[in-house]
Amino acid sequence: MTAAVRWGILSTAKIAREKIIPALRENPSQHEIVAIASRTPDAARTAADKLGIPVAHGSYEALIDDPTIEAIYNPLPNHLHVPLTLAAARAGKHVLCEKPFAIHAGELEVLRPFATQVQLREAFMVRHHPQWHAVREHVRQGEIGALRYMQVPFSYFNDDPANIRNAHDIGGGGVYDIGCYAIVAGRWFFECDPQRVMAMTDIDPNFQTDRLASGLLDFGAGRQLAFTVGTQSARYQRVQLVGTMGRIEIELPFNAVEGGTSRYVIQTAGSAERSVTVPAANQYALQCDAFARAVRHEAPSAAALDDAVINMRVIDAVLASAKSGRVETL
């Protein structure tokens, strides 16, 4: 057995409190939550007491400098992802950083000198869920023929002026928040990267963020992904994959219930549609366990950073196309 990874939680963000901290506690043999930080000592202490975390740091810098911490979870607002991840990497800490990893792909290059020294990974929990692996295996086995196109709708309603997702100057908007999931889905199931992008957005007149965005991604060889994401629309999500001989639809591809079963529908050539139930799983816990294994057993590699750079390059292209009205290449 190896020692549990000693974690510091960089902020009291909702996703940390409600998703990651409970996920870490599912497997105490791999994870130990040592400390949590906030911008003020009082806020940090209140959160630590409520969450049962022993150490409270009244600044992000204090947590990064804590010598008892090995790994940091960074769920700060998007514009702070790179600066605080960089500070943590300089201090020799491994970092699991929430998506999107940056505001622009070029920002990530400051992390490159550290990518082979510590684990630096972008937190896309969906890539750890068994339903994503099961569906990709159907595609790999040719059960729906050659995968030709994907459609990904994903939306929720949030018009709160105080919510960081509606703050334009710190990386708010639908493309950054949930469009990134559609991009990752395309890369996951096509198992390659898009070559060019077309997109359009509807901009909220008050927030100046994209509240509706649609994109068409060309993955080459006649393969396409169409997505629409909205932050002021009814709650809805699907991943639909259509091949030359069949199709698959994932019911809750992104917000699968932690600890609950999942379901997708598959129809292959000459057969009736059938529903497949995937056993209960917590994609956040699986993500954290994979990160801990990497910390303990894998040499840091630039591959994880390269993957995040590609995600950001696609986001950059989507936003550039929406602004220019032209096809953008990667």
Foldseek 3Di string as FASTA:
>chain_A
DDAAAEEEEEAPDPCVQPAQLVLQVVDNRHHDHAAYEHCAQVVQVVSCVVSVHDYYYNHSLVRLQPPVHAEYEAADFQQCLLVSCLSSLVSNHAYAYEPLNHLFLVSLVSCVVSQQRHHYFYDQLLVLDVVLVVVLVCQVVCQQHHWQEKEKEFEAEDPDPPDSLLAVVRRHAFCRPPVLVLLVSVCSNNVAHFFKKAKAFDADPVSRHGQKMWMWTHRDPNHIYIYIYGHRDHGAIWMWIHHPFWIKIWGCSRCPPAQQKGKMWIDGHPDDIDMDIHHHHRSSSSSVSVSSCCRVPNRRDCPNVVVSSSSNNVSVNRVVNNVPVDMGGD
